[in-house]
PDB file of N, CA and C in Angstrom:
ATOM      1  N   MET A   1      10.165  26.047  31.971  1.00  0.00           N
ATOM      2  CA  MET A   1       9.187  25.954  33.021  1.00  0.00           C
ATOM      3  C   MET A   1       9.444  24.622  33.728  1.00  0.00           C
ATOM      4  N   GLY A   2       9.377  24.626  35.048  1.00  0.00           N
ATOM      5  CA  GLY A   2       9.665  23.408  35.763  1.00  0.00           C
ATOM      6  C   GLY A   2       8.703  23.134  36.899  1.00  0.00           C
ATOM      7  N   TYR A   3       8.544  21.865  37.188  1.00  0.00           N
ATOM      8  CA  TYR A   3       7.752  21.414  38.330  1.00  0.00           C
ATOM      9  C   TYR A   3       8.345  20.104  38.809  1.00  0.00           C
ATOM     10  N   ARG A   4       8.727  20.070  40.054  1.00  0.00           N
ATOM     11  CA  ARG A   4       9.392  18.913  40.657  1.00  0.00           C
ATOM     12  C   ARG A   4      10.598  18.524  39.820  1.00  0.00           C
ATOM     13  N   ASN A   5      10.657  17.313  39.290  1.00  0.00           N
ATOM     14  CA  ASN A   5      11.849  16.894  38.540  1.00  0.00           C
ATOM     15  C   ASN A   5      11.697  17.038  37.027  1.00  0.00           C
ATOM     16  N   VAL A   6      10.640  17.717  36.552  1.00  0.00           N
ATOM     17  CA  VAL A   6      10.429  17.895  35.115  1.00  0.00           C
ATOM     18  C   VAL A   6      10.705  19.341  34.721  1.00  0.00           C
ATOM     19  N   THR A   7      11.592  19.522  33.752  1.00  0.00           N
ATOM     20  CA  THR A   7      11.841  20.841  33.166  1.00  0.00           C
ATOM     21  C   THR A   7      11.368  20.795  31.720  1.00  0.00           C
ATOM     22  N   ARG A   8      10.495  21.719  31.369  1.00  0.00           N
ATOM     23  CA  ARG A   8       9.963  21.800  30.008  1.00  0.00           C
ATOM     24  C   ARG A   8      10.557  23.002  29.298  1.00  0.00           C
ATOM     25  N   HIS A   9      10.997  22.785  28.075  1.00  0.00           N
ATOM     26  CA  HIS A   9      11.396  23.869  27.192  1.00  0.00           C
ATOM     27  C   HIS A   9      10.237  24.057  26.226  1.00  0.00           C
ATOM     28  N   ILE A  10       9.582  25.203  26.314  1.00  0.00           N
ATOM     29  CA  ILE A  10       8.327  25.433  25.604  1.00  0.00           C
ATOM     30  C   ILE A  10       8.498  26.552  24.588  1.00  0.00           C
ATOM     31  N   GLN A  11       8.048  26.307  23.366  1.00  0.00           N
ATOM     32  CA  GLN A  11       7.933  27.372  22.380  1.00  0.00           C
ATOM     33  C   GLN A  11       6.458  27.720  22.324  1.00  0.00           C
ATOM     34  N   PHE A  12       6.121  28.960  22.689  1.00  0.00           N
ATOM     35  CA  PHE A  12       4.739  29.414  22.693  1.00  0.00           C
ATOM     36  C   PHE A  12       4.385  30.033  21.355  1.00  0.00           C
ATOM     37  N   LYS A  13       3.155  29.780  20.917  1.00  0.00           N
ATOM     38  CA  LYS A  13       2.584  30.385  19.713  1.00  0.00           C
ATOM     39  C   LYS A  13       1.184  30.856  20.074  1.00  0.00           C
ATOM     40  N   THR A  14       0.684  31.843  19.371  1.00  0.00           N
ATOM     41  CA  THR A  14      -0.686  32.302  19.598  1.00  0.00           C
ATOM     42  C   THR A  14      -1.381  32.533  18.266  1.00  0.00           C
ATOM     43  N   LYS A  15      -2.711  32.454  18.326  1.00  0.00           N
ATOM     44  CA  LYS A  15      -3.534  32.787  17.167  1.00  0.00           C
ATOM     45  C   LYS A  15      -4.940  33.075  17.661  1.00  0.00           C
ATOM     46  N   THR A  16      -5.722  33.751  16.839  1.00  0.00           N
ATOM     47  CA  THR A  16      -7.124  33.968  17.182  1.00  0.00           C
ATOM     48  C   THR A  16      -7.952  32.830  16.607  1.00  0.00           C
ATOM     49  N   VAL A  17      -9.119  32.622  17.186  1.00  0.00           N
ATOM     50  CA  VAL A  17     -10.001  31.522  16.778  1.00  0.00           C
ATOM     51  C   VAL A  17     -10.259  31.554  15.278  1.00  0.00           C
ATOM     52  N   ASP A  18     -10.521  32.716  14.738  1.00  0.00           N
ATOM     53  CA  ASP A  18     -10.832  32.832  13.313  1.00  0.00           C
ATOM     54  C   ASP A  18      -9.617  33.133  12.452  1.00  0.00           C
ATOM     55  N   GLY A  19      -8.425  33.095  13.061  1.00  0.00           N
ATOM     56  CA  GLY A  19      -7.203  33.385  12.320  1.00  0.00           C
ATOM     57  C   GLY A  19      -6.946  32.348  11.238  1.00  0.00           C
ATOM     58  N   GLN A  20      -6.271  32.759  10.206  1.00  0.00           N
ATOM     59  CA  GLN A  20      -6.048  31.871   9.068  1.00  0.00           C
ATOM     60  C   GLN A  20      -4.772  31.050   9.180  1.00  0.00           C
ATOM     61  N   THR A  21      -4.013  31.240  10.227  1.00  0.00           N
ATOM     62  CA  THR A  21      -2.777  30.497  10.416  1.00  0.00           C
ATOM     63  C   THR A  21      -3.080  29.006  10.562  1.00  0.00           C
ATOM     64  N   ASP A  22      -2.465  28.203   9.716  1.00  0.00           N
ATOM     65  CA  ASP A  22      -2.687  26.758   9.811  1.00  0.00           C
ATOM     66  C   ASP A  22      -1.400  25.983  10.039  1.00  0.00           C
ATOM     67  N   ALA A  23      -0.307  26.718  10.294  1.00  0.00           N
ATOM     68  CA  ALA A  23       0.982  26.077  10.569  1.00  0.00           C
ATOM     69  C   ALA A  23       1.853  27.061  11.345  1.00  0.00           C
ATOM     70  N   VAL A  24       2.843  26.524  12.042  1.00  0.00           N
ATOM     71  CA  VAL A  24       3.796  27.365  12.774  1.00  0.00           C
ATOM     72  C   VAL A  24       5.212  26.938  12.429  1.00  0.00           C
ATOM     73  N   ARG A  25       6.146  27.846  12.671  1.00  0.00           N
ATOM     74  CA  ARG A  25       7.565  27.565  12.462  1.00  0.00           C
ATOM     75  C   ARG A  25       8.183  27.226  13.809  1.00  0.00           C
ATOM     76  N   ILE A  26       8.859  26.094  13.874  1.00  0.00           N
ATOM     77  CA  ILE A  26       9.448  25.614  15.113  1.00  0.00           C
ATOM     78  C   ILE A  26      10.963  25.508  14.944  1.00  0.00           C
ATOM     79  N   ASN A  27      11.697  25.958  15.944  1.00  0.00           N
ATOM     80  CA  ASN A  27      13.148  25.872  15.930  1.00  0.00           C
ATOM     81  C   ASN A  27      13.567  24.419  16.160  1.00  0.00           C
ATOM     82  N   VAL A  28      14.416  23.882  15.300  1.00  0.00           N
ATOM     83  CA  VAL A  28      14.841  22.483  15.424  1.00  0.00           C
ATOM     84  C   VAL A  28      15.660  22.231  16.688  1.00  0.00           C
ATOM     85  N   ARG A  29      16.256  23.268  17.272  1.00  0.00           N
ATOM     86  CA  ARG A  29      17.019  23.092  18.505  1.00  0.00           C
ATOM     87  C   ARG A  29      16.131  22.669  19.668  1.00  0.00           C
ATOM     88  N   LEU A  30      14.833  22.855  19.521  1.00  0.00           N
ATOM     89  CA  LEU A  30      13.910  22.433  20.575  1.00  0.00           C
ATOM     90  C   LEU A  30      13.951  20.916  20.751  1.00  0.00           C
ATOM     91  N   MET A  31      14.344  20.186  19.686  1.00  0.00           N
ATOM     92  CA  MET A  31      14.464  18.726  19.793  1.00  0.00           C
ATOM     93  C   MET A  31      15.608  18.317  20.719  1.00  0.00           C
ATOM     94  N   ASP A  32      16.589  19.201  20.887  1.00  0.00           N
ATOM     95  CA  ASP A  32      17.748  18.895  21.739  1.00  0.00           C
ATOM     96  C   ASP A  32      17.492  19.169  23.210  1.00  0.00           C
ATOM     97  N   LYS A  33      16.412  19.836  23.524  1.00  0.00           N
ATOM     98  CA  LYS A  33      16.121  20.237  24.896  1.00  0.00           C
ATOM     99  C   LYS A  33      15.306  19.157  25.606  1.00  0.00           C
ATOM    100  N   PRO A  34      15.526  18.994  26.903  1.00  0.00           N
ATOM    101  CA  PRO A  34      14.730  18.021  27.656  1.00  0.00           C
ATOM    102  C   PRO A  34      13.251  18.403  27.625  1.00  0.00           C
ATOM    103  N   SER A  35      12.426  17.476  27.274  1.00  0.00           N
ATOM    104  CA  SER A  35      10.976  17.677  27.292  1.00  0.00           C
ATOM    105  C   SER A  35      10.542  18.875  26.460  1.00  0.00           C
ATOM    106  N   GLY A  36      11.154  19.082  25.294  1.00  0.00           N
ATOM    107  CA  GLY A  36      10.753  20.174  24.413  1.00  0.00           C
ATOM    108  C   GLY A  36       9.316  19.994  23.944  1.00  0.00           C
ATOM    109  N   CYS A  37       8.592  21.109  23.787  1.00  0.00           N
ATOM    110  CA  CYS A  37       7.204  21.053  23.329  1.00  0.00           C
ATOM    111  C   CYS A  37       6.788  22.404  22.771  1.00  0.00           C
ATOM    112  N   VAL A  38       5.641  22.409  22.109  1.00  0.00           N
ATOM    113  CA  VAL A  38       5.069  23.641  21.565  1.00  0.00           C
ATOM    114  C   VAL A  38       3.655  23.769  22.108  1.00  0.00           C
ATOM    115  N   LEU A  39       3.349  24.944  22.634  1.00  0.00           N
ATOM    116  CA  LEU A  39       2.013  25.231  23.130  1.00  0.00           C
ATOM    117  C   LEU A  39       1.464  26.400  22.331  1.00  0.00           C
ATOM    118  N   TRP A  40       0.419  26.106  21.554  1.00  0.00           N
ATOM    119  CA  TRP A  40      -0.213  27.094  20.691  1.00  0.00           C
ATOM    120  C   TRP A  40      -1.494  27.517  21.397  1.00  0.00           C
ATOM    121  N   ILE A  41      -1.557  28.767  21.805  1.00  0.00           N
ATOM    122  CA  ILE A  41      -2.694  29.294  22.562  1.00  0.00           C
ATOM    123  C   ILE A  41      -3.649  29.967  21.584  1.00  0.00           C
ATOM    124  N   VAL A  42      -4.907  29.542  21.625  1.00  0.00           N
ATOM    125  CA  VAL A  42      -5.922  30.085  20.712  1.00  0.00           C
ATOM    126  C   VAL A  42      -6.877  30.946  21.529  1.00  0.00           C
ATOM    127  N   VAL A  43      -7.014  32.202  21.112  1.00  0.00           N
ATOM    128  CA  VAL A  43      -7.841  33.157  21.843  1.00  0.00           C
ATOM    129  C   VAL A  43      -8.943  33.706  20.940  1.00  0.00           C
ATOM    130  N   THR A  44      -9.985  34.259  21.582  1.00  0.00           N
ATOM    131  CA  THR A  44     -11.054  34.939  20.850  1.00  0.00           C
ATOM    132  C   THR A  44     -10.553  36.326  20.452  1.00  0.00           C
ATOM    133  N   PRO A  45     -11.283  37.036  19.593  1.00  0.00           N
ATOM    134  CA  PRO A  45     -10.876  38.413  19.250  1.00  0.00           C
ATOM    135  C   PRO A  45     -10.787  39.335  20.469  1.00  0.00           C
ATOM    136  N   ASP A  46     -11.489  38.993  21.563  1.00  0.00           N
ATOM    137  CA  ASP A  46     -11.423  39.768  22.804  1.00  0.00           C
ATOM    138  C   ASP A  46     -10.299  39.282  23.731  1.00  0.00           C
ATOM    139  N   LEU A  47      -9.441  38.409  23.227  1.00  0.00           N
ATOM    140  CA  LEU A  47      -8.296  37.853  23.950  1.00  0.00           C
ATOM    141  C   LEU A  47      -8.691  36.965  25.129  1.00  0.00           C
ATOM    142  N   VAL A  48      -9.823  36.299  25.012  1.00  0.00           N
ATOM    143  CA  VAL A  48     -10.244  35.305  25.993  1.00  0.00           C
ATOM    144  C   VAL A  48      -9.724  33.951  25.519  1.00  0.00           C
ATOM    145  N   PHE A  49      -9.116  33.174  26.425  1.00  0.00           N
ATOM    146  CA  PHE A  49      -8.600  31.859  26.054  1.00  0.00           C
ATOM    147  C   PHE A  49      -9.748  30.986  25.552  1.00  0.00           C
ATOM    148  N   ASP A  50      -9.580  30.385  24.375  1.00  0.00           N
ATOM    149  CA  ASP A  50     -10.603  29.496  23.819  1.00  0.00           C
ATOM    150  C   ASP A  50     -10.186  28.037  23.982  1.00  0.00           C
ATOM    151  N   HIS A  51      -9.003  27.701  23.489  1.00  0.00           N
ATOM    152  CA  HIS A  51      -8.451  26.365  23.649  1.00  0.00           C
ATOM    153  C   HIS A  51      -6.948  26.414  23.379  1.00  0.00           C
ATOM    154  N   TYR A  52      -6.323  25.256  23.483  1.00  0.00           N
ATOM    155  CA  TYR A  52      -4.883  25.139  23.300  1.00  0.00           C
ATOM    156  C   TYR A  52      -4.603  24.064  22.260  1.00  0.00           C
ATOM    157  N   LEU A  53      -3.463  24.184  21.611  1.00  0.00           N
ATOM    158  CA  LEU A  53      -2.990  23.148  20.695  1.00  0.00           C
ATOM    159  C   LEU A  53      -1.623  22.700  21.210  1.00  0.00           C
ATOM    160  N   TRP A  54      -1.454  21.396  21.338  1.00  0.00           N
ATOM    161  CA  TRP A  54      -0.271  20.812  21.971  1.00  0.00           C
ATOM    162  C   TRP A  54       0.520  19.974  20.979  1.00  0.00           C
ATOM    163  N   PHE A  55       1.857  20.161  20.984  1.00  0.00           N
ATOM    164  CA  PHE A  55       2.755  19.321  20.203  1.00  0.00           C
ATOM    165  C   PHE A  55       3.955  19.005  21.083  1.00  0.00           C
ATOM    166  N   GLY A  56       4.100  17.757  21.458  1.00  0.00           N
ATOM    167  CA  GLY A  56       5.217  17.368  22.298  1.00  0.00           C
ATOM    168  C   GLY A  56       5.039  15.950  22.798  1.00  0.00           C
ATOM    169  N   GLY A  57       6.014  15.500  23.541  1.00  0.00           N
ATOM    170  CA  GLY A  57       5.973  14.164  24.105  1.00  0.00           C
ATOM    171  C   GLY A  57       5.600  14.193  25.570  1.00  0.00           C
ATOM    172  N   GLU A  58       5.724  13.042  26.184  1.00  0.00           N
ATOM    173  CA  GLU A  58       5.471  12.919  27.617  1.00  0.00           C
ATOM    174  C   GLU A  58       6.564  13.645  28.386  1.00  0.00           C
ATOM    175  N   PRO A  59       6.318  13.993  29.650  1.00  0.00           N
ATOM    176  CA  PRO A  59       7.376  14.598  30.455  1.00  0.00           C
ATOM    177  C   PRO A  59       8.625  13.709  30.457  1.00  0.00           C
ATOM    178  N   GLY A  60       9.771  14.304  30.216  1.00  0.00           N
ATOM    179  CA  GLY A  60      11.020  13.562  30.147  1.00  0.00           C
ATOM    180  C   GLY A  60      11.357  13.049  28.762  1.00  0.00           C
ATOM    181  N   GLU A  61      10.400  13.071  27.848  1.00  0.00           N
ATOM    182  CA  GLU A  61      10.622  12.617  26.473  1.00  0.00           C
ATOM    183  C   GLU A  61      10.941  13.809  25.572  1.00  0.00           C
ATOM    184  N   PRO A  62      11.734  13.595  24.522  1.00  0.00           N
ATOM    185  CA  PRO A  62      12.062  14.708  23.626  1.00  0.00           C
ATOM    186  C   PRO A  62      10.887  15.069  22.709  1.00  0.00           C
ATOM    187  N   LEU A  63      10.991  16.218  22.109  1.00  0.00           N
ATOM    188  CA  LEU A  63      10.032  16.646  21.088  1.00  0.00           C
ATOM    189  C   LEU A  63      10.060  15.628  19.951  1.00  0.00           C
ATOM    190  N   PRO A  64       8.908  15.260  19.398  1.00  0.00           N
ATOM    191  CA  PRO A  64       8.936  14.376  18.222  1.00  0.00           C
ATOM    192  C   PRO A  64       9.838  14.968  17.130  1.00  0.00           C
ATOM    193  N   ASP A  65      10.484  14.111  16.372  1.00  0.00           N
ATOM    194  CA  ASP A  65      11.433  14.540  15.342  1.00  0.00           C
ATOM    195  C   ASP A  65      10.722  15.366  14.275  1.00  0.00           C
ATOM    196  N   ILE A  66      11.183  16.600  14.087  1.00  0.00           N
ATOM    197  CA  ILE A  66      10.601  17.490  13.077  1.00  0.00           C
ATOM    198  C   ILE A  66      11.574  17.772  11.936  1.00  0.00           C
ATOM    199  N   SER A  67      12.745  17.124  11.965  1.00  0.00           N
ATOM    200  CA  SER A  67      13.796  17.446  11.000  1.00  0.00           C
ATOM    201  C   SER A  67      13.396  17.181   9.545  1.00  0.00           C
ATOM    202  N   ALA A  68      12.471  16.271   9.301  1.00  0.00           N
ATOM    203  CA  ALA A  68      12.056  15.971   7.925  1.00  0.00           C
ATOM    204  C   ALA A  68      10.953  16.902   7.430  1.00  0.00           C
ATOM    205  N   ASN A  69      10.409  17.737   8.307  1.00  0.00           N
ATOM    206  CA  ASN A  69       9.359  18.668   7.888  1.00  0.00           C
ATOM    207  C   ASN A  69       9.934  19.728   6.956  1.00  0.00           C
ATOM    208  N   MET A  70       9.040  20.434   6.284  1.00  0.00           N
ATOM    209  CA  MET A  70       9.437  21.479   5.345  1.00  0.00           C
ATOM    210  C   MET A  70      10.244  22.564   6.057  1.00  0.00           C
ATOM    211  N   ILE A  71      11.316  23.016   5.429  1.00  0.00           N
ATOM    212  CA  ILE A  71      12.130  24.096   5.972  1.00  0.00           C
ATOM    213  C   ILE A  71      11.340  25.391   5.855  1.00  0.00           C
ATOM    214  N   ALA A  72      11.316  26.147   6.948  1.00  0.00           N
ATOM    215  CA  ALA A  72      10.579  27.415   6.976  1.00  0.00           C
ATOM    216  C   ALA A  72      11.313  28.479   6.165  1.00  0.00           C
ATOM    217  N   LYS A  73      10.549  29.479   5.746  1.00  0.00           N
ATOM    218  CA  LYS A  73      11.126  30.629   5.042  1.00  0.00           C
ATOM    219  C   LYS A  73      10.829  31.887   5.836  1.00  0.00           C
ATOM    220  N   HIS A  74      11.660  32.901   5.634  1.00  0.00           N
ATOM    221  CA  HIS A  74      11.417  34.193   6.267  1.00  0.00           C
ATOM    222  C   HIS A  74      10.084  34.750   5.769  1.00  0.00           C
ATOM    223  N   SER A  75       9.386  35.463   6.622  1.00  0.00           N
ATOM    224  CA  SER A  75       8.100  36.034   6.224  1.00  0.00           C
ATOM    225  C   SER A  75       8.281  37.261   5.336  1.00  0.00           C
ATOM    226  N   LYS A  76       9.397  37.960   5.509  1.00  0.00           N
ATOM    227  CA  LYS A  76       9.681  39.129   4.679  1.00  0.00           C
ATOM    228  C   LYS A  76      10.723  38.761   3.637  1.00  0.00           C
ATOM    229  N   GLY A  77      10.536  39.278   2.455  1.00  0.00           N
ATOM    230  CA  GLY A  77      11.478  39.016   1.381  1.00  0.00           C
ATOM    231  C   GLY A  77      12.660  39.966   1.418  1.00  0.00           C
ATOM    232  N   THR A  78      13.675  39.629   0.630  1.00  0.00           N
ATOM    233  CA  THR A  78      14.831  40.506   0.464  1.00  0.00           C
ATOM    234  C   THR A  78      14.410  41.697  -0.384  1.00  0.00           C
ATOM    235  N   SER A  79      15.352  42.579  -0.676  1.00  0.00           N
ATOM    236  CA  SER A  79      15.041  43.739  -1.527  1.00  0.00           C
ATOM    237  C   SER A  79      14.614  43.294  -2.924  1.00  0.00           C
ATOM    238  N   LEU A  80      14.963  42.066  -3.291  1.00  0.00           N
ATOM    239  CA  LEU A  80      14.552  41.522  -4.591  1.00  0.00           C
ATOM    240  C   LEU A  80      13.271  40.699  -4.491  1.00  0.00           C
ATOM    241  N   GLY A  81      12.712  40.617  -3.293  1.00  0.00           N
ATOM    242  CA  GLY A  81      11.467  39.879  -3.105  1.00  0.00           C
ATOM    243  C   GLY A  81      11.637  38.406  -2.799  1.00  0.00           C
ATOM    244  N   LYS A  82      12.870  37.937  -2.703  1.00  0.00           N
ATOM    245  CA  LYS A  82      13.104  36.524  -2.429  1.00  0.00           C
ATOM    246  C   LYS A  82      12.968  36.256  -0.940  1.00  0.00           C
ATOM    247  N   LYS A  83      12.246  35.201  -0.585  1.00  0.00           N
ATOM    248  CA  LYS A  83      12.106  34.795   0.809  1.00  0.00           C
ATOM    249  C   LYS A  83      13.095  33.668   1.070  1.00  0.00           C
ATOM    250  N   ASN A  84      14.123  33.986   1.819  1.00  0.00           N
ATOM    251  CA  ASN A  84      15.184  33.017   2.099  1.00  0.00           C
ATOM    252  C   ASN A  84      14.722  31.956   3.088  1.00  0.00           C
ATOM    253  N   GLU A  85      15.369  30.802   2.996  1.00  0.00           N
ATOM    254  CA  GLU A  85      15.069  29.716   3.930  1.00  0.00           C
ATOM    255  C   GLU A  85      15.632  30.021   5.302  1.00  0.00           C
ATOM    256  N   ARG A  86      14.993  29.448   6.312  1.00  0.00           N
ATOM    257  CA  ARG A  86      15.470  29.496   7.697  1.00  0.00           C
ATOM    258  C   ARG A  86      15.843  28.058   8.045  1.00  0.00           C
ATOM    259  N   PRO A  87      17.080  27.646   7.791  1.00  0.00           N
ATOM    260  CA  PRO A  87      17.458  26.233   7.896  1.00  0.00           C
ATOM    261  C   PRO A  87      17.277  25.619   9.279  1.00  0.00           C
ATOM    262  N   MET A  88      17.213  26.423  10.329  1.00  0.00           N
ATOM    263  CA  MET A  88      17.053  25.895  11.689  1.00  0.00           C
ATOM    264  C   MET A  88      15.590  25.874  12.137  1.00  0.00           C
ATOM    265  N   HIS A  89      14.665  26.125  11.190  1.00  0.00           N
ATOM    266  CA  HIS A  89      13.236  26.144  11.530  1.00  0.00           C
ATOM    267  C   HIS A  89      12.465  25.229  10.583  1.00  0.00           C
ATOM    268  N   ARG A  90      11.465  24.555  11.131  1.00  0.00           N
ATOM    269  CA  ARG A  90      10.607  23.675  10.336  1.00  0.00           C
ATOM    270  C   ARG A  90       9.151  24.098  10.499  1.00  0.00           C
ATOM    271  N   VAL A  91       8.367  23.792   9.489  1.00  0.00           N
ATOM    272  CA  VAL A  91       6.946  24.119   9.492  1.00  0.00           C
ATOM    273  C   VAL A  91       6.164  22.920  10.027  1.00  0.00           C
ATOM    274  N   ILE A  92       5.327  23.176  11.031  1.00  0.00           N
ATOM    275  CA  ILE A  92       4.489  22.129  11.617  1.00  0.00           C
ATOM    276  C   ILE A  92       3.037  22.516  11.396  1.00  0.00           C
ATOM    277  N   ALA A  93       2.303  21.665  10.687  1.00  0.00           N
ATOM    278  CA  ALA A  93       0.900  21.934  10.378  1.00  0.00           C
ATOM    279  C   ALA A  93       0.024  21.793  11.615  1.00  0.00           C
ATOM    280  N   ARG A  94      -1.063  22.531  11.627  1.00  0.00           N
ATOM    281  CA  ARG A  94      -2.008  22.508  12.745  1.00  0.00           C
ATOM    282  C   ARG A  94      -2.518  21.093  13.012  1.00  0.00           C
ATOM    283  N   GLY A  95      -2.663  20.286  11.972  1.00  0.00           N
ATOM    284  CA  GLY A  95      -3.154  18.925  12.113  1.00  0.00           C
ATOM    285  C   GLY A  95      -2.247  18.022  12.939  1.00  0.00           C
ATOM    286  N   LYS A  96      -1.000  18.406  13.145  1.00  0.00           N
ATOM    287  CA  LYS A  96      -0.060  17.621  13.963  1.00  0.00           C
ATOM    288  C   LYS A  96      -0.228  17.904  15.459  1.00  0.00           C
ATOM    289  N   PHE A  97      -0.994  18.935  15.771  1.00  0.00           N
ATOM    290  CA  PHE A  97      -1.205  19.336  17.160  1.00  0.00           C
ATOM    291  C   PHE A  97      -2.443  18.660  17.730  1.00  0.00           C
ATOM    292  N   GLU A  98      -2.416  18.430  19.020  1.00  0.00           N
ATOM    293  CA  GLU A  98      -3.565  17.877  19.732  1.00  0.00           C
ATOM    294  C   GLU A  98      -4.344  19.035  20.359  1.00  0.00           C
ATOM    295  N   ARG A  99      -5.652  19.078  20.109  1.00  0.00           N
ATOM    296  CA  ARG A  99      -6.491  20.125  20.682  1.00  0.00           C
ATOM    297  C   ARG A  99      -6.805  19.780  22.136  1.00  0.00           C
ATOM    298  N   ILE A 100      -6.581  20.737  23.012  1.00  0.00           N
ATOM    299  CA  ILE A 100      -6.840  20.550  24.434  1.00  0.00           C
ATOM    300  C   ILE A 100      -7.672  21.734  24.910  1.00  0.00           C
ATOM    301  N   GLN A 101      -8.737  21.437  25.600  1.00  0.00           N
ATOM    302  CA  GLN A 101      -9.720  22.451  25.944  1.00  0.00           C
ATOM    303  C   GLN A 101      -9.386  23.263  27.186  1.00  0.00           C
ATOM    304  N   ALA A 102      -8.741  22.684  28.175  1.00  0.00           N
ATOM    305  CA  ALA A 102      -8.602  23.364  29.463  1.00  0.00           C
ATOM    306  C   ALA A 102      -7.148  23.430  29.931  1.00  0.00           C
ATOM    307  N   LEU A 103      -6.847  24.474  30.693  1.00  0.00           N
ATOM    308  CA  LEU A 103      -5.492  24.687  31.188  1.00  0.00           C
ATOM    309  C   LEU A 103      -5.029  23.567  32.109  1.00  0.00           C
ATOM    310  N   ASP A 104      -5.919  23.017  32.924  1.00  0.00           N
ATOM    311  CA  ASP A 104      -5.483  21.940  33.819  1.00  0.00           C
ATOM    312  C   ASP A 104      -5.037  20.709  33.033  1.00  0.00           C
ATOM    313  N   LEU A 105      -5.629  20.484  31.871  1.00  0.00           N
ATOM    314  CA  LEU A 105      -5.193  19.372  31.012  1.00  0.00           C
ATOM    315  C   LEU A 105      -3.830  19.669  30.384  1.00  0.00           C
ATOM    316  N   ILE A 106      -3.566  20.939  30.091  1.00  0.00           N
ATOM    317  CA  ILE A 106      -2.251  21.337  29.590  1.00  0.00           C
ATOM    318  C   ILE A 106      -1.188  21.088  30.665  1.00  0.00           C
ATOM    319  N   LEU A 107      -1.514  21.427  31.892  1.00  0.00           N
ATOM    320  CA  LEU A 107      -0.563  21.187  32.988  1.00  0.00           C
ATOM    321  C   LEU A 107      -0.249  19.704  33.123  1.00  0.00           C
ATOM    322  N   GLY A 108      -1.241  18.848  32.896  1.00  0.00           N
ATOM    323  CA  GLY A 108      -1.003  17.411  32.900  1.00  0.00           C
ATOM    324  C   GLY A 108      -0.084  16.989  31.759  1.00  0.00           C
ATOM    325  N   LYS A 109      -0.275  17.586  30.588  1.00  0.00           N
ATOM    326  CA  LYS A 109       0.612  17.283  29.450  1.00  0.00           C
ATOM    327  C   LYS A 109       2.038  17.725  29.752  1.00  0.00           C
ATOM    328  N   LEU A 110       2.163  18.888  30.376  1.00  0.00           N
ATOM    329  CA  LEU A 110       3.486  19.421  30.673  1.00  0.00           C
ATOM    330  C   LEU A 110       4.225  18.613  31.735  1.00  0.00           C
ATOM    331  N   PHE A 111       3.535  18.261  32.821  1.00  0.00           N
ATOM    332  CA  PHE A 111       4.224  17.717  33.984  1.00  0.00           C
ATOM    333  C   PHE A 111       3.735  16.350  34.432  1.00  0.00           C
ATOM    334  N   GLY A 112       2.795  15.748  33.726  1.00  0.00           N
ATOM    335  CA  GLY A 112       2.284  14.449  34.109  1.00  0.00           C
ATOM    336  C   GLY A 112       1.194  14.574  35.165  1.00  0.00           C
ATOM    337  N   GLN A 113       0.872  13.461  35.779  1.00  0.00           N
ATOM    338  CA  GLN A 113      -0.180  13.431  36.795  1.00  0.00           C
ATOM    339  C   GLN A 113       0.156  14.376  37.939  1.00  0.00           C
ATOM    340  N   LEU A 114      -0.719  15.321  38.206  1.00  0.00           N
ATOM    341  CA  LEU A 114      -0.513  16.264  39.298  1.00  0.00           C
ATOM    342  C   LEU A 114      -1.322  15.849  40.521  1.00  0.00           C
ATOM    343  N   PRO A 115      -0.819  16.187  41.713  1.00  0.00           N
ATOM    344  CA  PRO A 115      -1.554  15.815  42.934  1.00  0.00           C
ATOM    345  C   PRO A 115      -2.881  16.568  43.038  1.00  0.00           C
TER     346      PRO A 115
END
């Protein structure tokens, strides 16, 4: 997504307000992209936007380093029930995200001060 001289590489995630998800899996290659970030959209059971969760740096800055975070595992197991690691993905806890209430504030996070 781009605006003026800022290009954002965004990994989108979604969850419901009462959902039990407390972490997401993020691709480590997002750290290599200009202005990489994660936008977690939280909706009501009726799919109405409730709030957003933001993980990223300022426009032009890289995604904070996630390489030391826990390596993610596949959600489905093998035929033997083993859940293999996904070496290019890391787990980011919900507590690392900043809660943002409105879309216009998200646009500011993505692209900086807007006219």
